[in-house]
Amino acid sequence: MPDQTQPANEKLQPLQVLKYILGGTCIYAAVLVTLAQLFVTAL
């Protein structure tokens, strides 16, 4: 089992990195939107 999971993990690493990058950009966009809303309400 460990021999089979190691290559699978190696194949899934790029997908996990892409998911991490996409998730990070989504969170970053959400933070920018909330900051923009706070800035607009402050004005």
PDB file of N, CA and C in Angstrom:
ATOM      1  N   MET A   1       0.822  -1.216   0.000  1.00  0.00           N
ATOM      2  CA  MET A   1       0.000   0.000   0.000  1.00  0.00           C
ATOM      3  C   MET A   1       0.861   1.274   0.000  1.00  0.00           C
ATOM      4  N   PRO A   2       1.888   1.359   0.851  1.00  0.00           N
ATOM      5  CA  PRO A   2       2.690   2.594   0.840  1.00  0.00           C
ATOM      6  C   PRO A   2       3.357   2.820  -0.511  1.00  0.00           C
ATOM      7  N   ASP A   3       3.771   1.725  -1.189  1.00  0.00           N
ATOM      8  CA  ASP A   3       4.409   1.887  -2.487  1.00  0.00           C
ATOM      9  C   ASP A   3       3.416   2.423  -3.520  1.00  0.00           C
ATOM     10  N   GLN A   4       2.139   2.092  -3.352  1.00  0.00           N
ATOM     11  CA  GLN A   4       1.135   2.566  -4.311  1.00  0.00           C
ATOM     12  C   GLN A   4       0.716   4.001  -4.001  1.00  0.00           C
ATOM     13  N   THR A   5       0.729   4.398  -2.732  1.00  0.00           N
ATOM     14  CA  THR A   5       0.272   5.744  -2.381  1.00  0.00           C
ATOM     15  C   THR A   5       1.344   6.789  -2.683  1.00  0.00           C
ATOM     16  N   GLN A   6       2.615   6.416  -2.644  1.00  0.00           N
ATOM     17  CA  GLN A   6       3.670   7.401  -2.902  1.00  0.00           C
ATOM     18  C   GLN A   6       3.605   7.960  -4.327  1.00  0.00           C
ATOM     19  N   PRO A   7       3.534   7.117  -5.382  1.00  0.00           N
ATOM     20  CA  PRO A   7       3.412   7.696  -6.722  1.00  0.00           C
ATOM     21  C   PRO A   7       2.106   8.455  -6.896  1.00  0.00           C
ATOM     22  N   ALA A   8       1.053   8.014  -6.239  1.00  0.00           N
ATOM     23  CA  ALA A   8      -0.227   8.717  -6.347  1.00  0.00           C
ATOM     24  C   ALA A   8      -0.088  10.109  -5.744  1.00  0.00           C
ATOM     25  N   ASN A   9       0.608  10.201  -4.609  1.00  0.00           N
ATOM     26  CA  ASN A   9       0.810  11.509  -3.991  1.00  0.00           C
ATOM     27  C   ASN A   9       1.671  12.395  -4.887  1.00  0.00           C
ATOM     28  N   GLU A  10       2.659  11.801  -5.544  1.00  0.00           N
ATOM     29  CA  GLU A  10       3.509  12.582  -6.444  1.00  0.00           C
ATOM     30  C   GLU A  10       2.694  13.114  -7.618  1.00  0.00           C
ATOM     31  N   LYS A  11       1.718  12.323  -8.070  1.00  0.00           N
ATOM     32  CA  LYS A  11       0.870  12.778  -9.176  1.00  0.00           C
ATOM     33  C   LYS A  11      -0.122  13.841  -8.708  1.00  0.00           C
ATOM     34  N   LEU A  12      -0.535  13.759  -7.435  1.00  0.00           N
ATOM     35  CA  LEU A  12      -1.533  14.705  -6.934  1.00  0.00           C
ATOM     36  C   LEU A  12      -0.904  16.012  -6.465  1.00  0.00           C
ATOM     37  N   GLN A  13       0.406  16.051  -6.301  1.00  0.00           N
ATOM     38  CA  GLN A  13       1.033  17.275  -5.797  1.00  0.00           C
ATOM     39  C   GLN A  13       0.769  18.491  -6.686  1.00  0.00           C
ATOM     40  N   PRO A  14       0.944  18.402  -8.010  1.00  0.00           N
ATOM     41  CA  PRO A  14       0.665  19.584  -8.845  1.00  0.00           C
ATOM     42  C   PRO A  14      -0.788  20.025  -8.734  1.00  0.00           C
ATOM     43  N   LEU A  15      -1.721  19.074  -8.655  1.00  0.00           N
ATOM     44  CA  LEU A  15      -3.129  19.438  -8.519  1.00  0.00           C
ATOM     45  C   LEU A  15      -3.360  20.131  -7.189  1.00  0.00           C
ATOM     46  N   GLN A  16      -2.716  19.647  -6.135  1.00  0.00           N
ATOM     47  CA  GLN A  16      -2.879  20.280  -4.825  1.00  0.00           C
ATOM     48  C   GLN A  16      -2.303  21.687  -4.851  1.00  0.00           C
ATOM     49  N   VAL A  17      -1.185  21.867  -5.547  1.00  0.00           N
ATOM     50  CA  VAL A  17      -0.587  23.204  -5.652  1.00  0.00           C
ATOM     51  C   VAL A  17      -1.526  24.136  -6.405  1.00  0.00           C
ATOM     52  N   LEU A  18      -2.118  23.648  -7.499  1.00  0.00           N
ATOM     53  CA  LEU A  18      -3.054  24.475  -8.263  1.00  0.00           C
ATOM     54  C   LEU A  18      -4.263  24.830  -7.414  1.00  0.00           C
ATOM     55  N   LYS A  19      -4.787  23.840  -6.662  1.00  0.00           N
ATOM     56  CA  LYS A  19      -5.934  24.113  -5.793  1.00  0.00           C
ATOM     57  C   LYS A  19      -5.555  25.129  -4.723  1.00  0.00           C
ATOM     58  N   TYR A  20      -4.329  25.009  -4.190  1.00  0.00           N
ATOM     59  CA  TYR A  20      -3.871  25.945  -3.155  1.00  0.00           C
ATOM     60  C   TYR A  20      -3.756  27.352  -3.731  1.00  0.00           C
ATOM     61  N   ILE A  21      -3.228  27.457  -4.962  1.00  0.00           N
ATOM     62  CA  ILE A  21      -3.080  28.773  -5.594  1.00  0.00           C
ATOM     63  C   ILE A  21      -4.454  29.366  -5.891  1.00  0.00           C
ATOM     64  N   LEU A  22      -5.368  28.542  -6.438  1.00  0.00           N
ATOM     65  CA  LEU A  22      -6.711  29.041  -6.742  1.00  0.00           C
ATOM     66  C   LEU A  22      -7.423  29.456  -5.464  1.00  0.00           C
ATOM     67  N   GLY A  23      -7.296  28.648  -4.421  1.00  0.00           N
ATOM     68  CA  GLY A  23      -7.929  28.986  -3.147  1.00  0.00           C
ATOM     69  C   GLY A  23      -7.345  30.267  -2.576  1.00  0.00           C
ATOM     70  N   GLY A  24      -6.034  30.424  -2.690  1.00  0.00           N
ATOM     71  CA  GLY A  24      -5.397  31.637  -2.183  1.00  0.00           C
ATOM     72  C   GLY A  24      -5.864  32.866  -2.944  1.00  0.00           C
ATOM     73  N   THR A  25      -5.991  32.753  -4.269  1.00  0.00           N
ATOM     74  CA  THR A  25      -6.448  33.897  -5.051  1.00  0.00           C
ATOM     75  C   THR A  25      -7.898  34.228  -4.724  1.00  0.00           C
ATOM     76  N   CYS A  26      -8.724  33.194  -4.482  1.00  0.00           N
ATOM     77  CA  CYS A  26     -10.128  33.434  -4.117  1.00  0.00           C
ATOM     78  C   CYS A  26     -10.203  34.156  -2.780  1.00  0.00           C
ATOM     79  N   ILE A  27      -9.414  33.709  -1.810  1.00  0.00           N
ATOM     80  CA  ILE A  27      -9.411  34.364  -0.495  1.00  0.00           C
ATOM     81  C   ILE A  27      -8.888  35.794  -0.641  1.00  0.00           C
ATOM     82  N   TYR A  28      -7.832  35.982  -1.440  1.00  0.00           N
ATOM     83  CA  TYR A  28      -7.255  37.311  -1.645  1.00  0.00           C
ATOM     84  C   TYR A  28      -8.286  38.236  -2.289  1.00  0.00           C
ATOM     85  N   ALA A  29      -9.031  37.719  -3.280  1.00  0.00           N
ATOM     86  CA  ALA A  29     -10.068  38.520  -3.931  1.00  0.00           C
ATOM     87  C   ALA A  29     -11.174  38.868  -2.934  1.00  0.00           C
ATOM     88  N   ALA A  30     -11.560  37.914  -2.094  1.00  0.00           N
ATOM     89  CA  ALA A  30     -12.604  38.173  -1.097  1.00  0.00           C
ATOM     90  C   ALA A  30     -12.147  39.251  -0.124  1.00  0.00           C
ATOM     91  N   VAL A  31     -10.887  39.185   0.301  1.00  0.00           N
ATOM     92  CA  VAL A  31     -10.356  40.210   1.219  1.00  0.00           C
ATOM     93  C   VAL A  31     -10.355  41.571   0.536  1.00  0.00           C
ATOM     94  N   LEU A  32      -9.960  41.622  -0.730  1.00  0.00           N
ATOM     95  CA  LEU A  32      -9.957  42.893  -1.453  1.00  0.00           C
ATOM     96  C   LEU A  32     -11.369  43.450  -1.558  1.00  0.00           C
ATOM     97  N   VAL A  33     -12.348  42.581  -1.814  1.00  0.00           N
ATOM     98  CA  VAL A  33     -13.738  43.036  -1.929  1.00  0.00           C
ATOM     99  C   VAL A  33     -14.216  43.597  -0.598  1.00  0.00           C
ATOM    100  N   THR A  34     -13.922  42.895   0.495  1.00  0.00           N
ATOM    101  CA  THR A  34     -14.368  43.370   1.809  1.00  0.00           C
ATOM    102  C   THR A  34     -13.681  44.688   2.155  1.00  0.00           C
ATOM    103  N   LEU A  35     -12.393  44.805   1.852  1.00  0.00           N
ATOM    104  CA  LEU A  35     -11.694  46.066   2.120  1.00  0.00           C
ATOM    105  C   LEU A  35     -12.277  47.186   1.267  1.00  0.00           C
ATOM    106  N   ALA A  36     -12.612  46.894   0.022  1.00  0.00           N
ATOM    107  CA  ALA A  36     -13.211  47.909  -0.847  1.00  0.00           C
ATOM    108  C   ALA A  36     -14.561  48.350  -0.293  1.00  0.00           C
ATOM    109  N   GLN A  37     -15.358  47.401   0.184  1.00  0.00           N
ATOM    110  CA  GLN A  37     -16.658  47.750   0.756  1.00  0.00           C
ATOM    111  C   GLN A  37     -16.476  48.621   1.993  1.00  0.00           C
ATOM    112  N   LEU A  38     -15.536  48.271   2.863  1.00  0.00           N
ATOM    113  CA  LEU A  38     -15.275  49.080   4.055  1.00  0.00           C
ATOM    114  C   LEU A  38     -14.800  50.477   3.650  1.00  0.00           C
ATOM    115  N   PHE A  39     -13.965  50.570   2.627  1.00  0.00           N
ATOM    116  CA  PHE A  39     -13.473  51.865   2.165  1.00  0.00           C
ATOM    117  C   PHE A  39     -14.622  52.712   1.626  1.00  0.00           C
ATOM    118  N   VAL A  40     -15.527  52.089   0.862  1.00  0.00           N
ATOM    119  CA  VAL A  40     -16.668  52.823   0.297  1.00  0.00           C
ATOM    120  C   VAL A  40     -17.590  53.287   1.416  1.00  0.00           C
ATOM    121  N   THR A  41     -17.839  52.425   2.401  1.00  0.00           N
ATOM    122  CA  THR A  41     -18.727  52.806   3.501  1.00  0.00           C
ATOM    123  C   THR A  41     -18.070  53.888   4.355  1.00  0.00           C
ATOM    124  N   ALA A  42     -16.735  53.873   4.453  1.00  0.00           N
ATOM    125  CA  ALA A  42     -16.035  54.903   5.229  1.00  0.00           C
ATOM    126  C   ALA A  42     -16.180  56.262   4.548  1.00  0.00           C
ATOM    127  N   LEU A  43     -16.218  56.268   3.231  1.00  0.00           N
ATOM    128  CA  LEU A  43     -16.403  57.530   2.520  1.00  0.00           C
ATOM    129  C   LEU A  43     -17.831  58.021   2.699  1.00  0.00           C
TER     130      LEU A  43
END
